[in-house]
PDB file of N, CA and C in Angstrom:
ATOM      1  N   MET A   1       0.863  -1.174   0.000  1.00  0.00           N
ATOM      2  CA  MET A   1       0.000   0.000   0.000  1.00  0.00           C
ATOM      3  C   MET A   1       0.900   1.224   0.000  1.00  0.00           C
ATOM      4  N   SER A   2       0.630   2.148  -0.878  1.00  0.00           N
ATOM      5  CA  SER A   2       1.472   3.341  -0.943  1.00  0.00           C
ATOM      6  C   SER A   2       1.112   4.311   0.167  1.00  0.00           C
ATOM      7  N   GLY A   3       2.053   5.180   0.515  1.00  0.00           N
ATOM      8  CA  GLY A   3       1.879   6.077   1.650  1.00  0.00           C
ATOM      9  C   GLY A   3       0.712   7.031   1.544  1.00  0.00           C
ATOM     10  N   LEU A   4       0.583   7.723   0.423  1.00  0.00           N
ATOM     11  CA  LEU A   4      -0.466   8.735   0.288  1.00  0.00           C
ATOM     12  C   LEU A   4      -1.877   8.140   0.366  1.00  0.00           C
ATOM     13  N   PRO A   5      -2.182   7.065  -0.393  1.00  0.00           N
ATOM     14  CA  PRO A   5      -3.520   6.477  -0.244  1.00  0.00           C
ATOM     15  C   PRO A   5      -3.762   5.939   1.163  1.00  0.00           C
ATOM     16  N   ALA A   6      -2.732   5.419   1.823  1.00  0.00           N
ATOM     17  CA  ALA A   6      -2.893   4.909   3.179  1.00  0.00           C
ATOM     18  C   ALA A   6      -3.236   6.040   4.145  1.00  0.00           C
ATOM     19  N   VAL A   7      -2.569   7.174   4.007  1.00  0.00           N
ATOM     20  CA  VAL A   7      -2.854   8.337   4.854  1.00  0.00           C
ATOM     21  C   VAL A   7      -4.282   8.818   4.615  1.00  0.00           C
ATOM     22  N   THR A   8      -4.660   8.908   3.340  1.00  0.00           N
ATOM     23  CA  THR A   8      -6.011   9.349   2.993  1.00  0.00           C
ATOM     24  C   THR A   8      -7.052   8.398   3.566  1.00  0.00           C
ATOM     25  N   ALA A   9      -6.817   7.093   3.455  1.00  0.00           N
ATOM     26  CA  ALA A   9      -7.755   6.101   3.978  1.00  0.00           C
ATOM     27  C   ALA A   9      -7.870   6.214   5.498  1.00  0.00           C
ATOM     28  N   ALA A  10      -6.754   6.391   6.185  1.00  0.00           N
ATOM     29  CA  ALA A  10      -6.780   6.517   7.641  1.00  0.00           C
ATOM     30  C   ALA A  10      -7.542   7.763   8.070  1.00  0.00           C
ATOM     31  N   GLN A  11      -7.322   8.865   7.359  1.00  0.00           N
ATOM     32  CA  GLN A  11      -8.027  10.095   7.709  1.00  0.00           C
ATOM     33  C   GLN A  11      -9.520   9.965   7.449  1.00  0.00           C
ATOM     34  N   LEU A  12      -9.899   9.306   6.366  1.00  0.00           N
ATOM     35  CA  LEU A  12     -11.312   9.097   6.059  1.00  0.00           C
ATOM     36  C   LEU A  12     -11.963   8.197   7.099  1.00  0.00           C
ATOM     37  N   LEU A  13     -11.293   7.107   7.460  1.00  0.00           N
ATOM     38  CA  LEU A  13     -11.853   6.209   8.468  1.00  0.00           C
ATOM     39  C   LEU A  13     -12.010   6.921   9.805  1.00  0.00           C
ATOM     40  N   SER A  14     -11.037   7.737  10.161  1.00  0.00           N
ATOM     41  CA  SER A  14     -11.130   8.498  11.405  1.00  0.00           C
ATOM     42  C   SER A  14     -12.357   9.408  11.406  1.00  0.00           C
ATOM     43  N   LYS A  15     -12.610  10.076  10.281  1.00  0.00           N
ATOM     44  CA  LYS A  15     -13.789  10.939  10.176  1.00  0.00           C
ATOM     45  C   LYS A  15     -15.073  10.132  10.262  1.00  0.00           C
ATOM     46  N   MET A  16     -15.074   8.948   9.671  1.00  0.00           N
ATOM     47  CA  MET A  16     -16.264   8.100   9.701  1.00  0.00           C
ATOM     48  C   MET A  16     -16.557   7.603  11.115  1.00  0.00           C
ATOM     49  N   LEU A  17     -15.516   7.509  11.945  1.00  0.00           N
ATOM     50  CA  LEU A  17     -15.676   7.036  13.318  1.00  0.00           C
ATOM     51  C   LEU A  17     -15.954   8.173  14.298  1.00  0.00           C
ATOM     52  N   ASP A  18     -16.157   9.377  13.797  1.00  0.00           N
ATOM     53  CA  ASP A  18     -16.450  10.533  14.643  1.00  0.00           C
ATOM     54  C   ASP A  18     -17.913  10.465  15.072  1.00  0.00           C
ATOM     55  N   PHE A  19     -18.138  10.082  16.317  1.00  0.00           N
ATOM     56  CA  PHE A  19     -19.488   9.847  16.829  1.00  0.00           C
ATOM     57  C   PHE A  19     -20.329  11.120  16.886  1.00  0.00           C
ATOM     58  N   GLN A  20     -19.686  12.289  16.941  1.00  0.00           N
ATOM     59  CA  GLN A  20     -20.427  13.539  17.016  1.00  0.00           C
ATOM     60  C   GLN A  20     -20.903  14.008  15.646  1.00  0.00           C
ATOM     61  N   LYS A  21     -20.242  13.575  14.585  1.00  0.00           N
ATOM     62  CA  LYS A  21     -20.568  14.072  13.254  1.00  0.00           C
ATOM     63  C   LYS A  21     -21.168  13.023  12.329  1.00  0.00           C
ATOM     64  N   ASN A  22     -21.050  11.748  12.674  1.00  0.00           N
ATOM     65  CA  ASN A  22     -21.489  10.687  11.783  1.00  0.00           C
ATOM     66  C   ASN A  22     -22.490   9.784  12.491  1.00  0.00           C
ATOM     67  N   SER A  23     -23.712   9.784  12.000  1.00  0.00           N
ATOM     68  CA  SER A  23     -24.768   8.985  12.644  1.00  0.00           C
ATOM     69  C   SER A  23     -24.521   7.483  12.478  1.00  0.00           C
ATOM     70  N   HIS A  24     -23.673   7.090  11.565  1.00  0.00           N
ATOM     71  CA  HIS A  24     -23.387   5.671  11.340  1.00  0.00           C
ATOM     72  C   HIS A  24     -22.104   5.219  12.032  1.00  0.00           C
ATOM     73  N   ALA A  25     -21.498   6.074  12.817  1.00  0.00           N
ATOM     74  CA  ALA A  25     -20.210   5.751  13.444  1.00  0.00           C
ATOM     75  C   ALA A  25     -20.308   4.539  14.357  1.00  0.00           C
ATOM     76  N   GLU A  26     -21.401   4.407  15.089  1.00  0.00           N
ATOM     77  CA  GLU A  26     -21.550   3.265  16.001  1.00  0.00           C
ATOM     78  C   GLU A  26     -21.542   1.951  15.226  1.00  0.00           C
ATOM     79  N   SER A  27     -22.273   1.893  14.134  1.00  0.00           N
ATOM     80  CA  SER A  27     -22.305   0.677  13.309  1.00  0.00           C
ATOM     81  C   SER A  27     -20.924   0.366  12.740  1.00  0.00           C
ATOM     82  N   LEU A  28     -20.250   1.401  12.270  1.00  0.00           N
ATOM     83  CA  LEU A  28     -18.914   1.225  11.723  1.00  0.00           C
ATOM     84  C   LEU A  28     -17.946   0.741  12.804  1.00  0.00           C
ATOM     85  N   ALA A  29     -18.053   1.299  13.992  1.00  0.00           N
ATOM     86  CA  ALA A  29     -17.173   0.894  15.091  1.00  0.00           C
ATOM     87  C   ALA A  29     -17.413  -0.562  15.473  1.00  0.00           C
ATOM     88  N   LYS A  30     -18.666  -0.999  15.452  1.00  0.00           N
ATOM     89  CA  LYS A  30     -18.972  -2.402  15.764  1.00  0.00           C
ATOM     90  C   LYS A  30     -18.346  -3.329  14.730  1.00  0.00           C
ATOM     91  N   GLU A  31     -18.408  -2.940  13.468  1.00  0.00           N
ATOM     92  CA  GLU A  31     -17.779  -3.754  12.419  1.00  0.00           C
ATOM     93  C   GLU A  31     -16.267  -3.750  12.568  1.00  0.00           C
ATOM     94  N   LEU A  32     -15.694  -2.614  12.909  1.00  0.00           N
ATOM     95  CA  LEU A  32     -14.251  -2.509  13.095  1.00  0.00           C
ATOM     96  C   LEU A  32     -13.800  -3.433  14.226  1.00  0.00           C
ATOM     97  N   ALA A  33     -14.613  -3.562  15.254  1.00  0.00           N
ATOM     98  CA  ALA A  33     -14.265  -4.410  16.396  1.00  0.00           C
ATOM     99  C   ALA A  33     -14.173  -5.881  16.000  1.00  0.00           C
ATOM    100  N   ARG A  34     -14.825  -6.259  14.926  1.00  0.00           N
ATOM    101  CA  ARG A  34     -14.792  -7.650  14.465  1.00  0.00           C
ATOM    102  C   ARG A  34     -13.551  -7.971  13.643  1.00  0.00           C
ATOM    103  N   VAL A  35     -12.801  -6.942  13.294  1.00  0.00           N
ATOM    104  CA  VAL A  35     -11.617  -7.126  12.439  1.00  0.00           C
ATOM    105  C   VAL A  35     -10.528  -7.861  13.212  1.00  0.00           C
ATOM    106  N   ASP A  36      -9.910  -8.819  12.553  1.00  0.00           N
ATOM    107  CA  ASP A  36      -8.792  -9.562  13.122  1.00  0.00           C
ATOM    108  C   ASP A  36      -7.598  -8.615  13.275  1.00  0.00           C
ATOM    109  N   PRO A  37      -6.974  -8.595  14.456  1.00  0.00           N
ATOM    110  CA  PRO A  37      -5.825  -7.693  14.664  1.00  0.00           C
ATOM    111  C   PRO A  37      -4.712  -7.875  13.625  1.00  0.00           C
ATOM    112  N   ASP A  38      -4.503  -9.114  13.149  1.00  0.00           N
ATOM    113  CA  ASP A  38      -3.472  -9.334  12.125  1.00  0.00           C
ATOM    114  C   ASP A  38      -3.827  -8.618  10.823  1.00  0.00           C
ATOM    115  N   PHE A  39      -5.122  -8.617  10.476  1.00  0.00           N
ATOM    116  CA  PHE A  39      -5.562  -7.916   9.270  1.00  0.00           C
ATOM    117  C   PHE A  39      -5.341  -6.421   9.440  1.00  0.00           C
ATOM    118  N   LEU A  40      -5.721  -5.899  10.602  1.00  0.00           N
ATOM    119  CA  LEU A  40      -5.533  -4.471  10.866  1.00  0.00           C
ATOM    120  C   LEU A  40      -4.057  -4.111  10.785  1.00  0.00           C
ATOM    121  N   GLY A  41      -3.203  -4.998  11.310  1.00  0.00           N
ATOM    122  CA  GLY A  41      -1.766  -4.767  11.288  1.00  0.00           C
ATOM    123  C   GLY A  41      -1.175  -4.763   9.890  1.00  0.00           C
ATOM    124  N   SER A  42      -1.856  -5.409   8.952  1.00  0.00           N
ATOM    125  CA  SER A  42      -1.331  -5.480   7.587  1.00  0.00           C
ATOM    126  C   SER A  42      -1.333  -4.128   6.885  1.00  0.00           C
ATOM    127  N   PHE A  43      -2.004  -3.140   7.466  1.00  0.00           N
ATOM    128  CA  PHE A  43      -2.059  -1.824   6.852  1.00  0.00           C
ATOM    129  C   PHE A  43      -0.889  -0.934   7.262  1.00  0.00           C
ATOM    130  N   GLY A  44       0.007  -1.457   8.070  1.00  0.00           N
ATOM    131  CA  GLY A  44       1.202  -0.702   8.430  1.00  0.00           C
ATOM    132  C   GLY A  44       0.907   0.534   9.259  1.00  0.00           C
ATOM    133  N   LEU A  45       0.024   0.393  10.249  1.00  0.00           N
ATOM    134  CA  LEU A  45      -0.347   1.549  11.064  1.00  0.00           C
ATOM    135  C   LEU A  45       0.850   2.154  11.785  1.00  0.00           C
ATOM    136  N   GLU A  46       1.845   1.300  12.098  1.00  0.00           N
ATOM    137  CA  GLU A  46       3.032   1.826  12.781  1.00  0.00           C
ATOM    138  C   GLU A  46       3.727   2.875  11.918  1.00  0.00           C
ATOM    139  N   SER A  47       3.833   2.603  10.629  1.00  0.00           N
ATOM    140  CA  SER A  47       4.502   3.576   9.756  1.00  0.00           C
ATOM    141  C   SER A  47       3.633   4.815   9.558  1.00  0.00           C
ATOM    142  N   LEU A  48       2.299   4.635   9.569  1.00  0.00           N
ATOM    143  CA  LEU A  48       1.414   5.792   9.437  1.00  0.00           C
ATOM    144  C   LEU A  48       1.497   6.704  10.657  1.00  0.00           C
ATOM    145  N   LEU A  49       1.830   6.137  11.812  1.00  0.00           N
ATOM    146  CA  LEU A  49       1.991   6.954  13.015  1.00  0.00           C
ATOM    147  C   LEU A  49       3.156   7.932  12.869  1.00  0.00           C
ATOM    148  N   GLN A  50       4.081   7.622  11.975  1.00  0.00           N
ATOM    149  CA  GLN A  50       5.226   8.502  11.751  1.00  0.00           C
ATOM    150  C   GLN A  50       4.847   9.720  10.907  1.00  0.00           C
ATOM    151  N   SER A  51       3.718   9.629  10.211  1.00  0.00           N
ATOM    152  CA  SER A  51       3.272  10.717   9.344  1.00  0.00           C
ATOM    153  C   SER A  51       2.609  11.804  10.177  1.00  0.00           C
ATOM    154  N   GLU A  52       3.144  13.006  10.105  1.00  0.00           N
ATOM    155  CA  GLU A  52       2.617  14.129  10.899  1.00  0.00           C
ATOM    156  C   GLU A  52       1.130  14.355  10.638  1.00  0.00           C
ATOM    157  N   GLY A  53       0.712  14.286   9.390  1.00  0.00           N
ATOM    158  CA  GLY A  53      -0.680  14.553   9.046  1.00  0.00           C
ATOM    159  C   GLY A  53      -1.619  13.398   9.335  1.00  0.00           C
ATOM    160  N   CYS A  54      -1.085  12.269   9.749  1.00  0.00           N
ATOM    161  CA  CYS A  54      -1.913  11.074   9.913  1.00  0.00           C
ATOM    162  C   CYS A  54      -1.952  10.553  11.347  1.00  0.00           C
ATOM    163  N   ARG A  55      -1.034  10.986  12.172  1.00  0.00           N
ATOM    164  CA  ARG A  55      -0.900  10.443  13.529  1.00  0.00           C
ATOM    165  C   ARG A  55      -2.206  10.514  14.317  1.00  0.00           C
ATOM    166  N   LYS A  56      -2.862  11.667  14.312  1.00  0.00           N
ATOM    167  CA  LYS A  56      -4.096  11.839  15.081  1.00  0.00           C
ATOM    168  C   LYS A  56      -5.194  10.890  14.578  1.00  0.00           C
ATOM    169  N   ALA A  57      -5.303  10.737  13.274  1.00  0.00           N
ATOM    170  CA  ALA A  57      -6.312   9.851  12.692  1.00  0.00           C
ATOM    171  C   ALA A  57      -6.062   8.398  13.093  1.00  0.00           C
ATOM    172  N   VAL A  58      -4.811   7.951  13.009  1.00  0.00           N
ATOM    173  CA  VAL A  58      -4.482   6.571  13.347  1.00  0.00           C
ATOM    174  C   VAL A  58      -4.722   6.313  14.832  1.00  0.00           C
ATOM    175  N   LEU A  59      -4.329   7.240  15.680  1.00  0.00           N
ATOM    176  CA  LEU A  59      -4.558   7.055  17.117  1.00  0.00           C
ATOM    177  C   LEU A  59      -6.048   6.986  17.429  1.00  0.00           C
ATOM    178  N   HIS A  60      -6.855   7.778  16.735  1.00  0.00           N
ATOM    179  CA  HIS A  60      -8.302   7.724  16.934  1.00  0.00           C
ATOM    180  C   HIS A  60      -8.857   6.370  16.503  1.00  0.00           C
ATOM    181  N   ILE A  61      -8.429   5.871  15.362  1.00  0.00           N
ATOM    182  CA  ILE A  61      -8.884   4.564  14.875  1.00  0.00           C
ATOM    183  C   ILE A  61      -8.514   3.472  15.878  1.00  0.00           C
ATOM    184  N   LEU A  62      -7.274   3.483  16.344  1.00  0.00           N
ATOM    185  CA  LEU A  62      -6.833   2.471  17.304  1.00  0.00           C
ATOM    186  C   LEU A  62      -7.597   2.575  18.614  1.00  0.00           C
ATOM    187  N   LYS A  63      -7.881   3.784  19.068  1.00  0.00           N
ATOM    188  CA  LYS A  63      -8.642   3.978  20.314  1.00  0.00           C
ATOM    189  C   LYS A  63     -10.034   3.369  20.190  1.00  0.00           C
ATOM    190  N   VAL A  64     -10.721   3.669  19.089  1.00  0.00           N
ATOM    191  CA  VAL A  64     -12.060   3.120  18.875  1.00  0.00           C
ATOM    192  C   VAL A  64     -11.990   1.601  18.751  1.00  0.00           C
ATOM    193  N   TYR A  65     -10.999   1.104  18.020  1.00  0.00           N
ATOM    194  CA  TYR A  65     -10.838  -0.343  17.840  1.00  0.00           C
ATOM    195  C   TYR A  65     -10.656  -1.048  19.178  1.00  0.00           C
ATOM    196  N   ILE A  66      -9.770  -0.527  20.006  1.00  0.00           N
ATOM    197  CA  ILE A  66      -9.499  -1.143  21.307  1.00  0.00           C
ATOM    198  C   ILE A  66     -10.726  -1.077  22.208  1.00  0.00           C
ATOM    199  N   GLU A  67     -11.389   0.078  22.242  1.00  0.00           N
ATOM    200  CA  GLU A  67     -12.587   0.208  23.078  1.00  0.00           C
ATOM    201  C   GLU A  67     -13.659  -0.798  22.669  1.00  0.00           C
ATOM    202  N   ARG A  68     -13.864  -0.965  21.385  1.00  0.00           N
ATOM    203  CA  ARG A  68     -14.912  -1.869  20.901  1.00  0.00           C
ATOM    204  C   ARG A  68     -14.526  -3.327  21.089  1.00  0.00           C
ATOM    205  N   ARG A  69     -13.258  -3.647  20.988  1.00  0.00           N
ATOM    206  CA  ARG A  69     -12.813  -5.034  21.195  1.00  0.00           C
ATOM    207  C   ARG A  69     -12.978  -5.436  22.658  1.00  0.00           C
ATOM    208  N   GLU A  70     -12.814  -4.452  23.552  1.00  0.00           N
ATOM    209  CA  GLU A  70     -12.915  -4.743  24.987  1.00  0.00           C
ATOM    210  C   GLU A  70     -14.359  -4.850  25.467  1.00  0.00           C
ATOM    211  N   SER A  71     -15.292  -4.239  24.728  1.00  0.00           N
ATOM    212  CA  SER A  71     -16.685  -4.259  25.206  1.00  0.00           C
ATOM    213  C   SER A  71     -17.476  -5.413  24.619  1.00  0.00           C
TER     214      SER A  71
END
């Protein structure tokens, strides 16, 4: 996966998971919680964390993922 599309995808997913702005965020978060951690890891989130413009989006995605996996 190339860097620019990965950053764009992470930022879009982060916006989709915004519970205050997206009425479908809860449904999306429930589906995200079903994702296998190995599959999620295949997107190279560690390298995306190094991107200044993407760090906040990736941390938000991981926060929602962890919260939903625990509940």
